[in-house]
Amino acid sequence: GEKGIIFEDFTTIAYGVQIFTQSDDYSGKTMCNSTVPKKYKEEIFKEVILKRYSIVGAGSIIMPGIILEEGT
């Protein structure tokens, strides 16, 4: 995604972690799918921040806009 991921000092991500900074809006307000023209859908673009001493366990999925606070 275009917003990016911020890794502060001493952060760790394990095997198979997926971090998304862009996603379709699945609330039902708009259409979603990669084949739907952009004018019919709203995408979410938000950075993800992993603050100091954060650890993300194997297989975790992190969605746009998430902030893992220090020591998470």
C-alpha atoms as a PDB file:
ATOM      1  CA  GLY A   1       0.000   0.000   0.000  1.00  0.00           C
ATOM      2  CA  GLU A   2       1.044   3.551  -0.562  1.00  0.00           C
ATOM      3  CA  LYS A   3       0.903   4.764   3.073  1.00  0.00           C
ATOM      4  CA  GLY A   4       3.642   2.468   4.338  1.00  0.00           C
ATOM      5  CA  ILE A   5       4.695   0.742   7.535  1.00  0.00           C
ATOM      6  CA  ILE A   6       6.704   2.344  10.334  1.00  0.00           C
ATOM      7  CA  PHE A   7       8.933  -0.018  12.311  1.00  0.00           C
ATOM      8  CA  GLU A   8      10.297   1.623  15.443  1.00  0.00           C
ATOM      9  CA  ASP A   9      13.351   0.253  17.290  1.00  0.00           C
ATOM     10  CA  PHE A  10      13.424  -3.381  18.408  1.00  0.00           C
ATOM     11  CA  THR A  11      10.272  -4.540  16.598  1.00  0.00           C
ATOM     12  CA  THR A  12       9.922  -8.119  15.376  1.00  0.00           C
ATOM     13  CA  ILE A  13       7.595  -9.841  12.938  1.00  0.00           C
ATOM     14  CA  ALA A  14       7.459 -13.639  12.786  1.00  0.00           C
ATOM     15  CA  TYR A  15       6.921 -16.002   9.851  1.00  0.00           C
ATOM     16  CA  GLY A  16       3.807 -15.591   7.718  1.00  0.00           C
ATOM     17  CA  VAL A  17       2.786 -12.153   9.028  1.00  0.00           C
ATOM     18  CA  GLN A  18       0.721 -10.058   6.617  1.00  0.00           C
ATOM     19  CA  ILE A  19       0.581  -6.282   7.033  1.00  0.00           C
ATOM     20  CA  PHE A  20      -1.841  -4.293   4.894  1.00  0.00           C
ATOM     21  CA  THR A  21      -1.825  -0.503   4.544  1.00  0.00           C
ATOM     22  CA  GLN A  22      -4.493  -0.593   1.841  1.00  0.00           C
ATOM     23  CA  SER A  23      -7.772  -2.481   1.703  1.00  0.00           C
ATOM     24  CA  ASP A  24     -11.253  -2.388   0.237  1.00  0.00           C
ATOM     25  CA  ASP A  25     -13.996  -1.127   2.557  1.00  0.00           C
ATOM     26  CA  TYR A  26     -15.977  -4.232   3.555  1.00  0.00           C
ATOM     27  CA  SER A  27     -18.601  -2.323   5.588  1.00  0.00           C
ATOM     28  CA  GLY A  28     -21.204  -2.771   2.834  1.00  0.00           C
ATOM     29  CA  LYS A  29     -21.332   0.943   1.960  1.00  0.00           C
ATOM     30  CA  THR A  30     -19.556   0.427  -1.361  1.00  0.00           C
ATOM     31  CA  MET A  31     -18.659  -2.341  -3.756  1.00  0.00           C
ATOM     32  CA  CYS A  32     -15.402  -4.216  -3.271  1.00  0.00           C
ATOM     33  CA  ASN A  33     -13.276  -6.392  -5.490  1.00  0.00           C
ATOM     34  CA  SER A  34     -10.153  -5.809  -7.535  1.00  0.00           C
ATOM     35  CA  THR A  35     -12.227  -5.988 -10.743  1.00  0.00           C
ATOM     36  CA  VAL A  36     -14.663  -3.219  -9.692  1.00  0.00           C
ATOM     37  CA  PRO A  37     -13.757   0.243 -11.082  1.00  0.00           C
ATOM     38  CA  LYS A  38     -12.415   2.639  -8.428  1.00  0.00           C
ATOM     39  CA  LYS A  39     -15.326   5.062  -8.918  1.00  0.00           C
ATOM     40  CA  TYR A  40     -17.698   2.435  -7.415  1.00  0.00           C
ATOM     41  CA  LYS A  41     -15.697   1.625  -4.315  1.00  0.00           C
ATOM     42  CA  GLU A  42     -13.866   3.235  -1.440  1.00  0.00           C
ATOM     43  CA  GLU A  43     -10.473   1.950  -0.464  1.00  0.00           C
ATOM     44  CA  ILE A  44      -8.832   2.443   2.895  1.00  0.00           C
ATOM     45  CA  PHE A  45      -5.294   3.851   2.826  1.00  0.00           C
ATOM     46  CA  LYS A  46      -3.698   4.161   6.293  1.00  0.00           C
ATOM     47  CA  GLU A  47      -0.192   3.617   7.603  1.00  0.00           C
ATOM     48  CA  VAL A  48       0.599   0.904  10.121  1.00  0.00           C
ATOM     49  CA  ILE A  49       2.873   1.714  13.060  1.00  0.00           C
ATOM     50  CA  LEU A  50       4.769  -0.840  15.139  1.00  0.00           C
ATOM     51  CA  LYS A  51       6.143   1.029  18.147  1.00  0.00           C
ATOM     52  CA  ARG A  52       9.255   0.092  20.112  1.00  0.00           C
ATOM     53  CA  TYR A  53       9.522  -3.455  21.470  1.00  0.00           C
ATOM     54  CA  SER A  54       6.466  -4.711  19.535  1.00  0.00           C
ATOM     55  CA  ILE A  55       6.349  -8.372  18.517  1.00  0.00           C
ATOM     56  CA  VAL A  56       3.901  -9.717  15.925  1.00  0.00           C
ATOM     57  CA  GLY A  57       3.341 -13.478  16.189  1.00  0.00           C
ATOM     58  CA  ALA A  58       3.428 -16.000  13.338  1.00  0.00           C
ATOM     59  CA  GLY A  59       0.492 -15.894  10.952  1.00  0.00           C
ATOM     60  CA  SER A  60      -0.886 -12.580  12.248  1.00  0.00           C
ATOM     61  CA  ILE A  61      -2.758 -10.225   9.941  1.00  0.00           C
ATOM     62  CA  ILE A  62      -2.565  -6.479  10.560  1.00  0.00           C
ATOM     63  CA  MET A  63      -5.061  -4.233   8.795  1.00  0.00           C
ATOM     64  CA  PRO A  64      -4.679  -0.568   7.711  1.00  0.00           C
ATOM     65  CA  GLY A  65      -4.473   2.078  10.423  1.00  0.00           C
ATOM     66  CA  ILE A  66      -3.369  -0.239  13.236  1.00  0.00           C
ATOM     67  CA  ILE A  67      -0.909   1.083  15.814  1.00  0.00           C
ATOM     68  CA  LEU A  68       0.812  -1.464  18.027  1.00  0.00           C
ATOM     69  CA  GLU A  69       1.754   0.488  21.127  1.00  0.00           C
ATOM     70  CA  GLU A  70       5.136   0.139  22.809  1.00  0.00           C
ATOM     71  CA  GLY A  71       5.708  -3.330  24.220  1.00  0.00           C
ATOM     72  CA  THR A  72       2.745  -4.948  22.472  1.00  0.00           C
END
